[in-house]
C-alpha cells in the first residue's frame, strides 16, 4: 500500500514546484515588460535621425538660396549703378532688362528663403523636442530595468530557497513518477488531486468504478486516465452518509417497516368494519323476531 507519507510528500512538492515554475515563467517574461518602452525609444531615435537628415538638407538649401540671392542683389545693384554711365538707348534697355530680371529673381529667392527658413526653424524645434523625449525615455527605461533586475534577483533568491526545500522532499520518491509529476504540474498546475465519490477533482471526470476502487485501496500510484494527474482517495460527506446507512440500516429497510405498519393498520380497519356489519345484521334479526311475536 502506498503510504500516506508519499502522498503528503507529493502534495508538499506540488506547492513548491508550482511556485517554482511560476517564478521561472516570470523571469522569462520579465524582459517583455520593457518591450513597449524599448519600442518607443527606438521610434523616437528613428524619428530624431530622420528629422536631423531633413534639417541638414533644408539647411543646405537655405545656404544655396542665400548665395543665389546675393548674386541677384549684386547684379541688380550693379545694373542700377551703371545707369548713371550709359550713353545710348540700347545700353539703357540692356541695363533695364538686367535690373528687372535681377529684381524678379531676388523677389523669388527671398520668398523661397523665407519658406525654407521657416521649415528649418520647425525642424529645429521638433529635433530639440524629440531629443528631450529620448533623454526622458532613456531615463524611464533605465529606472524600469533597475526595478526589474531587483525583482528578478528577488525571484532568484526565492527560487534558491524553493530548491533547498525540493531537495529535502525528493529523496525516496520514485524518479520516473517524479519526472511525470513535474511535467504534469508544468502543464496543469496541479499534479496530485483527490478522488471524491468516484470523480477526479482535477478534471471532474467520473472514473470507472473498478479504477476508483483501486485508488481507494491505494496499493500503488495511479494516474487519472483523463488528465494524467496522480490520484489519492479522500472521503467525502456522501461517503460518510453511505457508511451510516450501511451500519444502521438502509432506507429500503425503513420503507419495508413503514409498509408493514400500513398493512397492519389496514387489517385492523377491515376487522372493525366486519364486526360493525355483524352487529347491524344481528340488530335487524331481533327486530323481525319481535314483530312476529306481536302478531
C-alpha atoms as a PDB file:
ATOM      1  CA  UNK A   1       0.000   0.000   0.000  1.00  0.00           C
ATOM      2  CA  UNK A   2       1.231   3.474  -0.844  1.00  0.00           C
ATOM      3  CA  UNK A   3       1.947   5.181   2.445  1.00  0.00           C
ATOM      4  CA  UNK A   4       0.327   8.426   3.448  1.00  0.00           C
ATOM      5  CA  UNK A   5       3.834   9.859   3.704  1.00  0.00           C
ATOM      6  CA  UNK A   6       4.343   9.512  -0.060  1.00  0.00           C
ATOM      7  CA  UNK A   7       1.129  11.360  -0.822  1.00  0.00           C
ATOM      8  CA  UNK A   8       1.982  14.063   1.700  1.00  0.00           C
ATOM      9  CA  UNK A   9       5.409  14.452   0.097  1.00  0.00           C
ATOM     10  CA  UNK A  10       3.830  14.829  -3.325  1.00  0.00           C
ATOM     11  CA  UNK A  11       1.337  17.381  -2.011  1.00  0.00           C
ATOM     12  CA  UNK A  12       4.135  19.434  -0.446  1.00  0.00           C
ATOM     13  CA  UNK A  13       6.266  19.079  -3.554  1.00  0.00           C
ATOM     14  CA  UNK A  14       3.327  20.226  -5.668  1.00  0.00           C
ATOM     15  CA  UNK A  15       3.198  23.552  -3.820  1.00  0.00           C
ATOM     16  CA  UNK A  16       6.955  24.020  -4.188  1.00  0.00           C
ATOM     17  CA  UNK A  17       7.077  23.104  -7.876  1.00  0.00           C
ATOM     18  CA  UNK A  18       4.011  25.206  -8.675  1.00  0.00           C
ATOM     19  CA  UNK A  19       5.644  28.289  -7.197  1.00  0.00           C
ATOM     20  CA  UNK A  20       8.999  27.394  -8.769  1.00  0.00           C
ATOM     21  CA  UNK A  21       7.572  27.163 -12.283  1.00  0.00           C
ATOM     22  CA  UNK A  22       5.596  30.364 -11.716  1.00  0.00           C
ATOM     23  CA  UNK A  23       8.764  32.263 -10.771  1.00  0.00           C
ATOM     24  CA  UNK A  24      10.712  30.808 -13.692  1.00  0.00           C
ATOM     25  CA  UNK A  25       7.955  31.933 -16.058  1.00  0.00           C
ATOM     26  CA  UNK A  26       8.035  35.438 -14.570  1.00  0.00           C
ATOM     27  CA  UNK A  27      11.807  35.619 -15.046  1.00  0.00           C
ATOM     28  CA  UNK A  28      11.440  34.516 -18.678  1.00  0.00           C
ATOM     29  CA  UNK A  29       8.652  37.028 -19.296  1.00  0.00           C
ATOM     30  CA  UNK A  30      10.390  39.889 -17.458  1.00  0.00           C
ATOM     31  CA  UNK A  31      12.271  41.318 -20.489  1.00  0.00           C
ATOM     32  CA  UNK A  32       8.969  41.537 -22.387  1.00  0.00           C
ATOM     33  CA  UNK A  33       7.713  44.047 -19.816  1.00  0.00           C
ATOM     34  CA  UNK A  34      10.192  46.552 -21.259  1.00  0.00           C
ATOM     35  CA  UNK A  35       9.272  45.860 -24.876  1.00  0.00           C
ATOM     36  CA  UNK A  36       6.871  48.789 -25.212  1.00  0.00           C
ATOM     37  CA  UNK A  37       9.393  51.198 -23.671  1.00  0.00           C
ATOM     38  CA  UNK A  38      12.158  49.872 -25.924  1.00  0.00           C
ATOM     39  CA  UNK A  39       9.919  50.219 -28.966  1.00  0.00           C
ATOM     40  CA  UNK A  40       9.007  53.802 -28.060  1.00  0.00           C
ATOM     41  CA  UNK A  41      12.664  54.694 -27.547  1.00  0.00           C
ATOM     42  CA  UNK A  42      13.616  53.132 -30.880  1.00  0.00           C
ATOM     43  CA  UNK A  43      10.801  55.034 -32.591  1.00  0.00           C
ATOM     44  CA  UNK A  44      11.957  58.331 -31.086  1.00  0.00           C
ATOM     45  CA  UNK A  45      15.562  57.721 -32.110  1.00  0.00           C
ATOM     46  CA  UNK A  46      14.487  56.827 -35.638  1.00  0.00           C
ATOM     47  CA  UNK A  47      12.413  59.994 -35.845  1.00  0.00           C
ATOM     48  CA  UNK A  48      15.350  62.014 -34.490  1.00  0.00           C
ATOM     49  CA  UNK A  49      17.671  60.644 -37.172  1.00  0.00           C
ATOM     50  CA  UNK A  50      15.148  61.273 -39.962  1.00  0.00           C
ATOM     51  CA  UNK A  51      14.426  64.829 -38.827  1.00  0.00           C
ATOM     52  CA  UNK A  52      18.129  65.534 -38.428  1.00  0.00           C
ATOM     53  CA  UNK A  53      18.764  64.451 -42.021  1.00  0.00           C
ATOM     54  CA  UNK A  54      15.844  66.550 -43.200  1.00  0.00           C
ATOM     55  CA  UNK A  55      17.163  69.504 -41.193  1.00  0.00           C
ATOM     56  CA  UNK A  56      20.593  69.233 -42.802  1.00  0.00           C
ATOM     57  CA  UNK A  57      19.034  69.081 -46.268  1.00  0.00           C
ATOM     58  CA  UNK A  58      16.929  72.189 -45.623  1.00  0.00           C
ATOM     59  CA  UNK A  59      19.940  73.927 -44.108  1.00  0.00           C
ATOM     60  CA  UNK A  60      21.952  73.316 -47.281  1.00  0.00           C
ATOM     61  CA  UNK A  61      19.024  74.608 -49.325  1.00  0.00           C
ATOM     62  CA  UNK A  62      18.946  77.792 -47.237  1.00  0.00           C
ATOM     63  CA  UNK A  63      22.664  78.347 -47.786  1.00  0.00           C
ATOM     64  CA  UNK A  64      22.260  77.775 -51.519  1.00  0.00           C
ATOM     65  CA  UNK A  65      19.342  80.219 -51.750  1.00  0.00           C
ATOM     66  CA  UNK A  66      21.274  82.829 -49.809  1.00  0.00           C
ATOM     67  CA  UNK A  67      24.176  82.500 -52.226  1.00  0.00           C
ATOM     68  CA  UNK A  68      21.864  82.904 -55.224  1.00  0.00           C
ATOM     69  CA  UNK A  69      20.158  85.827 -53.516  1.00  0.00           C
ATOM     70  CA  UNK A  70      23.463  87.588 -53.007  1.00  0.00           C
ATOM     71  CA  UNK A  71      24.239  87.158 -56.697  1.00  0.00           C
ATOM     72  CA  UNK A  72      20.846  88.519 -57.715  1.00  0.00           C
ATOM     73  CA  UNK A  73      21.187  91.508 -55.390  1.00  0.00           C
ATOM     74  CA  UNK A  74      24.677  92.228 -56.638  1.00  0.00           C
ATOM     75  CA  UNK A  75      23.519  92.011 -60.269  1.00  0.00           C
ATOM     76  CA  UNK A  76      20.637  94.397 -59.605  1.00  0.00           C
ATOM     77  CA  UNK A  77      22.850  96.864 -57.745  1.00  0.00           C
ATOM     78  CA  UNK A  78      25.490  96.820 -60.488  1.00  0.00           C
ATOM     79  CA  UNK A  79      22.818  97.487 -63.104  1.00  0.00           C
ATOM     80  CA  UNK A  80      21.406 100.356 -61.100  1.00  0.00           C
ATOM     81  CA  UNK A  81      24.927 101.770 -60.611  1.00  0.00           C
ATOM     82  CA  UNK A  82      25.707 101.574 -64.331  1.00  0.00           C
ATOM     83  CA  UNK A  83      22.575 103.506 -65.195  1.00  0.00           C
ATOM     84  CA  UNK A  84      24.495 106.674 -64.444  1.00  0.00           C
ATOM     85  CA  UNK A  85      27.171 105.897 -67.054  1.00  0.00           C
ATOM     86  CA  UNK A  86      25.110 104.801 -70.047  1.00  0.00           C
ATOM     87  CA  UNK A  87      25.254 106.914 -73.230  1.00  0.00           C
ATOM     88  CA  UNK A  88      22.922 105.130 -75.648  1.00  0.00           C
ATOM     89  CA  UNK A  89      19.328 103.911 -75.617  1.00  0.00           C
ATOM     90  CA  UNK A  90      20.467 100.377 -76.392  1.00  0.00           C
ATOM     91  CA  UNK A  91      22.663 100.363 -73.278  1.00  0.00           C
ATOM     92  CA  UNK A  92      19.703 101.624 -71.281  1.00  0.00           C
ATOM     93  CA  UNK A  93      17.437  98.836 -72.472  1.00  0.00           C
ATOM     94  CA  UNK A  94      20.097  96.237 -71.705  1.00  0.00           C
ATOM     95  CA  UNK A  95      20.648  97.543 -68.183  1.00  0.00           C
ATOM     96  CA  UNK A  96      16.926  97.898 -67.556  1.00  0.00           C
ATOM     97  CA  UNK A  97      16.374  94.291 -68.583  1.00  0.00           C
ATOM     98  CA  UNK A  98      19.254  93.199 -66.344  1.00  0.00           C
ATOM     99  CA  UNK A  99      17.849  95.113 -63.388  1.00  0.00           C
ATOM    100  CA  UNK A 100      14.303  93.780 -63.950  1.00  0.00           C
ATOM    101  CA  UNK A 101      15.416  90.156 -64.211  1.00  0.00           C
ATOM    102  CA  UNK A 102      17.678  90.523 -61.178  1.00  0.00           C
ATOM    103  CA  UNK A 103      14.862  92.148 -59.176  1.00  0.00           C
ATOM    104  CA  UNK A 104      12.406  89.376 -60.133  1.00  0.00           C
ATOM    105  CA  UNK A 105      14.953  86.709 -59.250  1.00  0.00           C
ATOM    106  CA  UNK A 106      15.687  88.446 -55.974  1.00  0.00           C
ATOM    107  CA  UNK A 107      11.988  88.509 -55.034  1.00  0.00           C
ATOM    108  CA  UNK A 108      11.550  84.815 -55.836  1.00  0.00           C
ATOM    109  CA  UNK A 109      14.659  83.878 -53.871  1.00  0.00           C
ATOM    110  CA  UNK A 110      13.591  85.904 -50.858  1.00  0.00           C
ATOM    111  CA  UNK A 111      10.213  84.146 -50.886  1.00  0.00           C
ATOM    112  CA  UNK A 112      11.867  80.712 -51.118  1.00  0.00           C
ATOM    113  CA  UNK A 113      14.360  81.646 -48.435  1.00  0.00           C
ATOM    114  CA  UNK A 114      11.606  82.727 -46.085  1.00  0.00           C
ATOM    115  CA  UNK A 115       9.789  79.422 -46.610  1.00  0.00           C
ATOM    116  CA  UNK A 116      12.905  77.302 -46.113  1.00  0.00           C
ATOM    117  CA  UNK A 117      13.972  79.226 -43.031  1.00  0.00           C
ATOM    118  CA  UNK A 118      10.518  78.646 -41.524  1.00  0.00           C
ATOM    119  CA  UNK A 119      10.807  74.921 -42.256  1.00  0.00           C
ATOM    120  CA  UNK A 120      14.294  74.905 -40.774  1.00  0.00           C
ATOM    121  CA  UNK A 121      13.031  76.529 -37.562  1.00  0.00           C
ATOM    122  CA  UNK A 122      10.171  73.999 -37.278  1.00  0.00           C
ATOM    123  CA  UNK A 123      12.554  71.103 -37.781  1.00  0.00           C
ATOM    124  CA  UNK A 124      14.877  72.538 -35.183  1.00  0.00           C
ATOM    125  CA  UNK A 125      12.006  72.645 -32.660  1.00  0.00           C
ATOM    126  CA  UNK A 126      10.990  69.072 -33.493  1.00  0.00           C
ATOM    127  CA  UNK A 127      14.557  67.840 -33.135  1.00  0.00           C
ATOM    128  CA  UNK A 128      15.000  69.548 -29.778  1.00  0.00           C
ATOM    129  CA  UNK A 129      11.657  68.163 -28.541  1.00  0.00           C
ATOM    130  CA  UNK A 130      12.488  64.664 -29.762  1.00  0.00           C
ATOM    131  CA  UNK A 131      15.914  64.852 -28.182  1.00  0.00           C
ATOM    132  CA  UNK A 132      14.329  65.771 -24.833  1.00  0.00           C
ATOM    133  CA  UNK A 133      11.825  62.915 -25.164  1.00  0.00           C
ATOM    134  CA  UNK A 134      14.648  60.489 -25.902  1.00  0.00           C
ATOM    135  CA  UNK A 135      16.515  61.569 -22.796  1.00  0.00           C
ATOM    136  CA  UNK A 136      13.360  61.204 -20.692  1.00  0.00           C
ATOM    137  CA  UNK A 137      12.517  57.809 -22.185  1.00  0.00           C
ATOM    138  CA  UNK A 138      16.052  56.547 -21.636  1.00  0.00           C
ATOM    139  CA  UNK A 139      15.835  57.635 -18.018  1.00  0.00           C
ATOM    140  CA  UNK A 140      12.473  55.873 -17.579  1.00  0.00           C
ATOM    141  CA  UNK A 141      13.786  52.759 -19.274  1.00  0.00           C
ATOM    142  CA  UNK A 142      16.882  52.634 -17.094  1.00  0.00           C
ATOM    143  CA  UNK A 143      14.716  53.034 -13.989  1.00  0.00           C
ATOM    144  CA  UNK A 144      12.414  50.235 -15.160  1.00  0.00           C
ATOM    145  CA  UNK A 145      15.383  47.989 -15.895  1.00  0.00           C
ATOM    146  CA  UNK A 146      16.799  48.597 -12.437  1.00  0.00           C
ATOM    147  CA  UNK A 147      13.439  47.846 -10.803  1.00  0.00           C
ATOM    148  CA  UNK A 148      13.003  44.746 -12.930  1.00  0.00           C
ATOM    149  CA  UNK A 149      16.505  43.495 -12.163  1.00  0.00           C
ATOM    150  CA  UNK A 150      15.825  43.892  -8.448  1.00  0.00           C
ATOM    151  CA  UNK A 151      12.575  41.950  -8.859  1.00  0.00           C
ATOM    152  CA  UNK A 152      14.352  39.202 -10.792  1.00  0.00           C
ATOM    153  CA  UNK A 153      17.001  38.959  -8.078  1.00  0.00           C
ATOM    154  CA  UNK A 154      14.203  38.566  -5.523  1.00  0.00           C
ATOM    155  CA  UNK A 155      12.688  35.794  -7.638  1.00  0.00           C
ATOM    156  CA  UNK A 156      16.061  34.050  -7.895  1.00  0.00           C
ATOM    157  CA  UNK A 157      16.555  34.238  -4.133  1.00  0.00           C
ATOM    158  CA  UNK A 158      13.147  32.628  -3.624  1.00  0.00           C
ATOM    159  CA  UNK A 159      13.988  30.010  -6.253  1.00  0.00           C
ATOM    160  CA  UNK A 160      17.135  29.077  -4.334  1.00  0.00           C
ATOM    161  CA  UNK A 161      15.072  28.596  -1.172  1.00  0.00           C
ATOM    162  CA  UNK A 162      12.495  26.517  -3.045  1.00  0.00           C
ATOM    163  CA  UNK A 163      15.315  24.419  -4.488  1.00  0.00           C
ATOM    164  CA  UNK A 164      16.537  23.605  -0.989  1.00  0.00           C
ATOM    165  CA  UNK A 165      13.013  22.624   0.073  1.00  0.00           C
ATOM    166  CA  UNK A 166      12.674  20.458  -3.025  1.00  0.00           C
ATOM    167  CA  UNK A 167      15.944  18.684  -2.258  1.00  0.00           C
ATOM    168  CA  UNK A 168      14.613  17.846   1.188  1.00  0.00           C
ATOM    169  CA  UNK A 169      11.474  16.199  -0.203  1.00  0.00           C
ATOM    170  CA  UNK A 170      12.611  14.430  -3.382  1.00  0.00           C
ATOM    171  CA  UNK A 171      14.808  11.705  -1.801  1.00  0.00           C
ATOM    172  CA  UNK A 172      12.867   8.457  -1.530  1.00  0.00           C
ATOM    173  CA  UNK A 173      10.437   9.227  -4.340  1.00  0.00           C
ATOM    174  CA  UNK A 174      10.414   7.097  -7.483  1.00  0.00           C
ATOM    175  CA  UNK A 175      12.327   9.010 -10.173  1.00  0.00           C
ATOM    176  CA  UNK A 176      10.019   8.018 -13.016  1.00  0.00           C
ATOM    177  CA  UNK A 177       6.946   9.087 -11.057  1.00  0.00           C
ATOM    178  CA  UNK A 178       8.747  12.284 -10.049  1.00  0.00           C
ATOM    179  CA  UNK A 179       9.536  13.082 -13.690  1.00  0.00           C
ATOM    180  CA  UNK A 180       5.906  12.573 -14.730  1.00  0.00           C
ATOM    181  CA  UNK A 181       4.749  14.559 -11.715  1.00  0.00           C
ATOM    182  CA  UNK A 182       6.924  17.539 -12.661  1.00  0.00           C
ATOM    183  CA  UNK A 183       5.697  17.529 -16.270  1.00  0.00           C
ATOM    184  CA  UNK A 184       2.058  17.333 -15.152  1.00  0.00           C
ATOM    185  CA  UNK A 185       2.476  20.349 -12.854  1.00  0.00           C
ATOM    186  CA  UNK A 186       4.141  22.336 -15.632  1.00  0.00           C
ATOM    187  CA  UNK A 187       1.174  21.576 -17.869  1.00  0.00           C
ATOM    188  CA  UNK A 188      -1.786  21.568 -15.454  1.00  0.00           C
ATOM    189  CA  UNK A 189      -0.567  23.442 -12.327  1.00  0.00           C
ATOM    190  CA  UNK A 190      -1.725  20.518 -10.163  1.00  0.00           C
ATOM    191  CA  UNK A 191      -0.013  17.133 -10.235  1.00  0.00           C
ATOM    192  CA  UNK A 192      -1.879  15.311  -7.471  1.00  0.00           C
ATOM    193  CA  UNK A 193      -5.603  15.609  -6.770  1.00  0.00           C
ATOM    194  CA  UNK A 194      -8.228  13.824  -4.700  1.00  0.00           C
ATOM    195  CA  UNK A 195     -10.881  11.378  -5.842  1.00  0.00           C
ATOM    196  CA  UNK A 196     -14.288  12.062  -4.261  1.00  0.00           C
ATOM    197  CA  UNK A 197     -17.380   9.973  -4.972  1.00  0.00           C
ATOM    198  CA  UNK A 198     -15.540   8.346  -7.863  1.00  0.00           C
ATOM    199  CA  UNK A 199     -14.812  11.709  -9.517  1.00  0.00           C
ATOM    200  CA  UNK A 200     -11.365  13.181 -10.252  1.00  0.00           C
ATOM    201  CA  UNK A 201     -11.338  16.647  -8.674  1.00  0.00           C
ATOM    202  CA  UNK A 202      -8.729  17.754 -11.203  1.00  0.00           C
ATOM    203  CA  UNK A 203     -10.708  17.285 -14.429  1.00  0.00           C
ATOM    204  CA  UNK A 204     -14.107  16.481 -12.816  1.00  0.00           C
ATOM    205  CA  UNK A 205     -14.498  13.327 -14.882  1.00  0.00           C
ATOM    206  CA  UNK A 206     -16.258  10.253 -13.468  1.00  0.00           C
ATOM    207  CA  UNK A 207     -13.753   7.425 -13.092  1.00  0.00           C
ATOM    208  CA  UNK A 208     -14.512   3.776 -13.891  1.00  0.00           C
ATOM    209  CA  UNK A 209     -15.828   2.067 -10.740  1.00  0.00           C
ATOM    210  CA  UNK A 210     -13.082  -0.563 -10.614  1.00  0.00           C
ATOM    211  CA  UNK A 211     -10.389   2.062 -11.120  1.00  0.00           C
ATOM    212  CA  UNK A 212     -11.874   4.275  -8.391  1.00  0.00           C
ATOM    213  CA  UNK A 213     -11.833   1.289  -6.038  1.00  0.00           C
ATOM    214  CA  UNK A 214      -8.144   0.723  -6.792  1.00  0.00           C
ATOM    215  CA  UNK A 215      -7.459   4.348  -5.911  1.00  0.00           C
ATOM    216  CA  UNK A 216      -9.381   3.843  -2.671  1.00  0.00           C
ATOM    217  CA  UNK A 217      -7.319   0.759  -1.826  1.00  0.00           C
ATOM    218  CA  UNK A 218      -4.125   2.714  -2.506  1.00  0.00           C
ATOM    219  CA  UNK A 219      -1.805  -0.184  -3.324  1.00  0.00           C
ATOM    220  CA  UNK A 220       0.069   1.829  -5.968  1.00  0.00           C
ATOM    221  CA  UNK A 221       0.395   5.260  -7.542  1.00  0.00           C
ATOM    222  CA  UNK A 222      -2.379   5.694 -10.103  1.00  0.00           C
ATOM    223  CA  UNK A 223      -2.799   8.410 -12.718  1.00  0.00           C
ATOM    224  CA  UNK A 224      -6.127   9.802 -13.918  1.00  0.00           C
ATOM    225  CA  UNK A 225      -6.866   8.307 -17.363  1.00  0.00           C
ATOM    226  CA  UNK A 226      -8.290  11.659 -18.474  1.00  0.00           C
ATOM    227  CA  UNK A 227      -5.969  14.379 -17.121  1.00  0.00           C
ATOM    228  CA  UNK A 228      -2.924  12.244 -16.119  1.00  0.00           C
ATOM    229  CA  UNK A 229      -2.793  13.653 -12.580  1.00  0.00           C
ATOM    230  CA  UNK A 230      -1.791  11.433  -9.651  1.00  0.00           C
ATOM    231  CA  UNK A 231      -4.855  10.385  -7.665  1.00  0.00           C
ATOM    232  CA  UNK A 232      -5.432   9.762  -3.973  1.00  0.00           C
ATOM    233  CA  UNK A 233      -8.629   8.837  -2.160  1.00  0.00           C
ATOM    234  CA  UNK A 234     -10.340  11.402   0.011  1.00  0.00           C
ATOM    235  CA  UNK A 235     -13.511  10.621   1.928  1.00  0.00           C
ATOM    236  CA  UNK A 236     -16.434  12.947   1.253  1.00  0.00           C
ATOM    237  CA  UNK A 237     -19.608  13.753   3.200  1.00  0.00           C
ATOM    238  CA  UNK A 238     -21.605  11.491   0.889  1.00  0.00           C
ATOM    239  CA  UNK A 239     -19.276   8.616   1.729  1.00  0.00           C
ATOM    240  CA  UNK A 240     -19.897   9.187   5.456  1.00  0.00           C
ATOM    241  CA  UNK A 241     -23.661   9.209   4.939  1.00  0.00           C
ATOM    242  CA  UNK A 242     -23.479   5.969   2.987  1.00  0.00           C
ATOM    243  CA  UNK A 243     -21.444   4.367   5.773  1.00  0.00           C
ATOM    244  CA  UNK A 244     -24.077   5.447   8.345  1.00  0.00           C
ATOM    245  CA  UNK A 245     -26.874   3.748   6.450  1.00  0.00           C
ATOM    246  CA  UNK A 246     -24.831   0.598   5.991  1.00  0.00           C
ATOM    247  CA  UNK A 247     -24.322   0.405   9.765  1.00  0.00           C
ATOM    248  CA  UNK A 248     -27.835   1.319  10.993  1.00  0.00           C
ATOM    249  CA  UNK A 249     -29.990   0.016   8.168  1.00  0.00           C
ATOM    250  CA  UNK A 250     -30.786   1.257   4.716  1.00  0.00           C
ATOM    251  CA  UNK A 251     -33.620   3.442   3.560  1.00  0.00           C
ATOM    252  CA  UNK A 252     -35.114   0.379   1.931  1.00  0.00           C
ATOM    253  CA  UNK A 253     -35.386  -1.252   5.361  1.00  0.00           C
ATOM    254  CA  UNK A 254     -37.198   1.803   6.687  1.00  0.00           C
ATOM    255  CA  UNK A 255     -39.572   1.667   3.734  1.00  0.00           C
ATOM    256  CA  UNK A 256     -40.303  -2.019   4.419  1.00  0.00           C
ATOM    257  CA  UNK A 257     -41.089  -1.291   8.081  1.00  0.00           C
ATOM    258  CA  UNK A 258     -43.370   1.540   7.090  1.00  0.00           C
ATOM    259  CA  UNK A 259     -45.159  -0.722   4.584  1.00  0.00           C
ATOM    260  CA  UNK A 260     -45.670  -3.394   7.270  1.00  0.00           C
ATOM    261  CA  UNK A 261     -47.232  -0.807   9.575  1.00  0.00           C
ATOM    262  CA  UNK A 262     -49.610   0.268   6.836  1.00  0.00           C
ATOM    263  CA  UNK A 263     -50.660  -3.343   6.160  1.00  0.00           C
ATOM    264  CA  UNK A 264     -51.264  -3.870   9.873  1.00  0.00           C
ATOM    265  CA  UNK A 265     -53.444  -0.764  10.095  1.00  0.00           C
ATOM    266  CA  UNK A 266     -55.451  -1.822   7.036  1.00  0.00           C
ATOM    267  CA  UNK A 267     -56.127  -5.303   8.515  1.00  0.00           C
ATOM    268  CA  UNK A 268     -57.365  -3.780  11.779  1.00  0.00           C
ATOM    269  CA  UNK A 269     -59.586  -1.406   9.826  1.00  0.00           C
ATOM    270  CA  UNK A 270     -61.130  -4.307   7.870  1.00  0.00           C
ATOM    271  CA  UNK A 271     -61.730  -6.262  11.085  1.00  0.00           C
ATOM    272  CA  UNK A 272     -63.526  -3.304  12.669  1.00  0.00           C
ATOM    273  CA  UNK A 273     -65.735  -2.941   9.605  1.00  0.00           C
ATOM    274  CA  UNK A 274     -66.667  -6.676   9.694  1.00  0.00           C
ATOM    275  CA  UNK A 275     -67.614  -6.508  13.359  1.00  0.00           C
ATOM    276  CA  UNK A 276     -69.729  -3.442  12.736  1.00  0.00           C
ATOM    277  CA  UNK A 277     -71.525  -5.209   9.881  1.00  0.00           C
ATOM    278  CA  UNK A 278     -72.310  -8.251  12.068  1.00  0.00           C
ATOM    279  CA  UNK A 279     -73.786  -6.020  14.767  1.00  0.00           C
ATOM    280  CA  UNK A 280     -76.080  -4.379  12.212  1.00  0.00           C
ATOM    281  CA  UNK A 281     -77.278  -7.748  10.943  1.00  0.00           C
ATOM    282  CA  UNK A 282     -77.976  -9.022  14.482  1.00  0.00           C
ATOM    283  CA  UNK A 283     -79.975  -5.895  15.232  1.00  0.00           C
ATOM    284  CA  UNK A 284     -82.180  -6.362  12.159  1.00  0.00           C
ATOM    285  CA  UNK A 285     -82.960 -10.035  13.047  1.00  0.00           C
ATOM    286  CA  UNK A 286     -84.010  -9.053  16.567  1.00  0.00           C
ATOM    287  CA  UNK A 287     -86.495  -6.508  15.271  1.00  0.00           C
ATOM    288  CA  UNK A 288     -88.105  -9.039  12.916  1.00  0.00           C
ATOM    289  CA  UNK A 289     -88.455 -11.555  15.778  1.00  0.00           C
ATOM    290  CA  UNK A 290     -90.258  -9.002  17.931  1.00  0.00           C
ATOM    291  CA  UNK A 291     -92.704  -8.177  15.127  1.00  0.00           C
ATOM    292  CA  UNK A 292     -93.580 -11.886  14.670  1.00  0.00           C
ATOM    293  CA  UNK A 293     -94.251 -12.313  18.388  1.00  0.00           C
ATOM    294  CA  UNK A 294     -96.696  -9.400  18.490  1.00  0.00           C
ATOM    295  CA  UNK A 295     -98.690 -10.909  15.683  1.00  0.00           C
END
